[in-house]
Amino acid sequence: MPKITYIEHDGTEHSVDVANGLTVMEGARDNNIPGIEADCGGACACSTCHVYVDSKWVGKLPPKDDMEEDMLDFAWEPDLERSRLTCQLKITDELDGLIVQMPEKQI
């Protein structure tokens, strides 16, 4: 099972195993990790699961689709390179070791 590390805005780290087929957002939800609200439940209809992907992972992730790009416009202080919506990142073995950091707040 891939291990994903979630880093809260204050630096608190949570490394958890997340099953293949789930999303990074579902991994946070299922493990009670604070900082990812996921108000829309993973429908890519809000930006409350926004994270900053560790820079060494940016090129390893699938590209953002148009819907994710549009929703990131509503995120708190998006970074053109590193911002992603965790509801759009499906867990596979290739994501083992992924590191994401939560923004100061979700809006």
Protein backbone atom coordinates (compact mmCIF):
# COMPACT_ATOMS: atom_id res chain seq x y z
CA MET A 1 0.00 0.00 0.00
CA PRO A 2 1.47 3.39 -0.94
CA LYS A 3 2.52 5.67 1.92
CA ILE A 4 1.46 9.31 1.61
CA THR A 5 2.84 12.06 3.85
CA TYR A 6 0.51 14.95 4.64
CA ILE A 7 2.10 18.01 6.23
CA GLU A 8 -0.11 20.45 8.08
CA HIS A 9 0.54 24.18 7.67
CA ASP A 10 2.27 24.20 11.09
CA GLY A 11 4.68 21.44 10.01
CA THR A 12 2.97 18.50 11.73
CA GLU A 13 3.48 15.40 9.57
CA HIS A 14 1.14 12.45 9.11
CA SER A 15 2.46 9.47 7.11
CA VAL A 16 -0.27 6.96 6.35
CA ASP A 17 -0.86 4.00 4.07
CA VAL A 18 -3.57 4.66 1.49
CA ALA A 19 -5.09 1.89 -0.60
CA ASN A 20 -4.73 1.91 -4.37
CA GLY A 21 -7.82 3.27 -6.09
CA LEU A 22 -8.63 5.83 -3.40
CA THR A 23 -7.71 9.48 -3.83
CA VAL A 24 -5.22 11.47 -1.79
CA MET A 25 -8.26 13.33 -0.41
CA GLU A 26 -9.93 10.09 0.69
CA GLY A 27 -6.70 9.03 2.38
CA ALA A 28 -6.74 12.24 4.44
CA ARG A 29 -10.44 11.88 5.24
CA ASP A 30 -10.18 8.21 6.22
CA ASN A 31 -7.22 8.91 8.51
CA ASN A 32 -8.69 12.04 10.16
CA ILE A 33 -5.91 14.28 8.90
CA PRO A 34 -6.71 17.95 9.55
CA GLY A 35 -6.32 20.57 6.85
CA ILE A 36 -8.21 18.93 3.99
CA GLU A 37 -11.91 19.75 4.30
CA ALA A 38 -13.23 18.25 1.04
CA ASP A 39 -16.60 20.01 1.27
CA CYS A 40 -17.83 18.63 -2.07
CA GLY A 41 -16.87 15.05 -1.20
CA GLY A 42 -14.47 14.67 -4.10
CA ALA A 43 -16.59 15.95 -7.00
CA CYS A 44 -14.03 18.62 -8.02
CA ALA A 45 -16.66 21.25 -7.26
CA CYS A 46 -14.78 23.21 -4.60
CA SER A 47 -11.16 23.86 -3.69
CA THR A 48 -11.20 22.75 -0.05
CA CYS A 49 -8.88 19.78 -0.65
CA HIS A 50 -6.13 21.99 -2.08
CA VAL A 51 -2.50 21.09 -1.27
CA TYR A 52 0.99 21.99 -2.39
CA VAL A 53 2.74 18.95 -3.82
CA ASP A 54 6.38 18.53 -2.84
CA SER A 55 8.46 19.90 -5.72
CA LYS A 56 10.15 16.57 -6.46
CA TRP A 57 6.70 15.04 -7.15
CA VAL A 58 5.27 17.72 -9.47
CA GLY A 59 6.51 16.09 -12.68
CA LYS A 60 5.51 12.58 -11.57
CA LEU A 61 1.79 13.32 -11.24
CA PRO A 62 -0.77 13.15 -14.03
CA PRO A 63 -1.47 16.58 -15.55
CA LYS A 64 -4.30 18.75 -14.25
CA ASP A 65 -7.45 18.67 -16.34
CA ASP A 66 -9.43 21.82 -17.16
CA MET A 67 -11.89 21.35 -14.29
CA GLU A 68 -9.12 21.08 -11.70
CA GLU A 69 -7.36 24.13 -13.19
CA ASP A 70 -10.62 26.12 -12.93
CA MET A 71 -11.25 25.09 -9.30
CA LEU A 72 -7.69 25.95 -8.27
CA ASP A 73 -8.51 29.57 -9.15
CA PHE A 74 -10.66 29.54 -5.98
CA ALA A 75 -8.01 27.99 -3.71
CA TRP A 76 -6.13 29.84 -0.99
CA GLU A 77 -2.88 31.20 -2.47
CA PRO A 78 -2.49 28.69 -5.31
CA ASP A 79 0.97 27.96 -6.68
CA LEU A 80 0.96 27.48 -10.45
CA GLU A 81 3.50 24.63 -10.24
CA ARG A 82 2.70 22.85 -6.98
CA SER A 83 -1.02 23.32 -6.27
CA ARG A 84 -3.29 20.31 -6.76
CA LEU A 85 -6.73 19.21 -5.62
CA THR A 86 -6.31 15.96 -3.72
CA CYS A 87 -9.68 14.67 -4.96
CA GLN A 88 -8.12 14.47 -8.42
CA LEU A 89 -5.06 12.43 -7.42
CA LYS A 90 -5.82 8.70 -7.55
CA ILE A 91 -3.54 6.50 -5.49
CA THR A 92 -1.35 4.02 -7.39
CA ASP A 93 1.87 2.24 -6.43
CA GLU A 94 3.73 4.97 -8.32
CA LEU A 95 2.62 7.52 -5.69
CA ASP A 96 4.34 5.66 -2.83
CA GLY A 97 6.21 8.36 -0.89
CA LEU A 98 4.14 11.30 -2.16
CA ILE A 99 4.42 14.38 0.08
CA VAL A 100 1.75 17.07 0.16
CA GLN A 101 1.53 20.19 2.32
CA MET A 102 -1.69 21.87 3.31
CA PRO A 103 -2.13 25.62 2.82
CA GLU A 104 -2.70 27.98 5.74
CA LYS A 105 -6.44 27.61 5.22
CA GLN A 106 -9.03 26.24 2.81
CA ILE A 107 -11.62 28.51 1.22
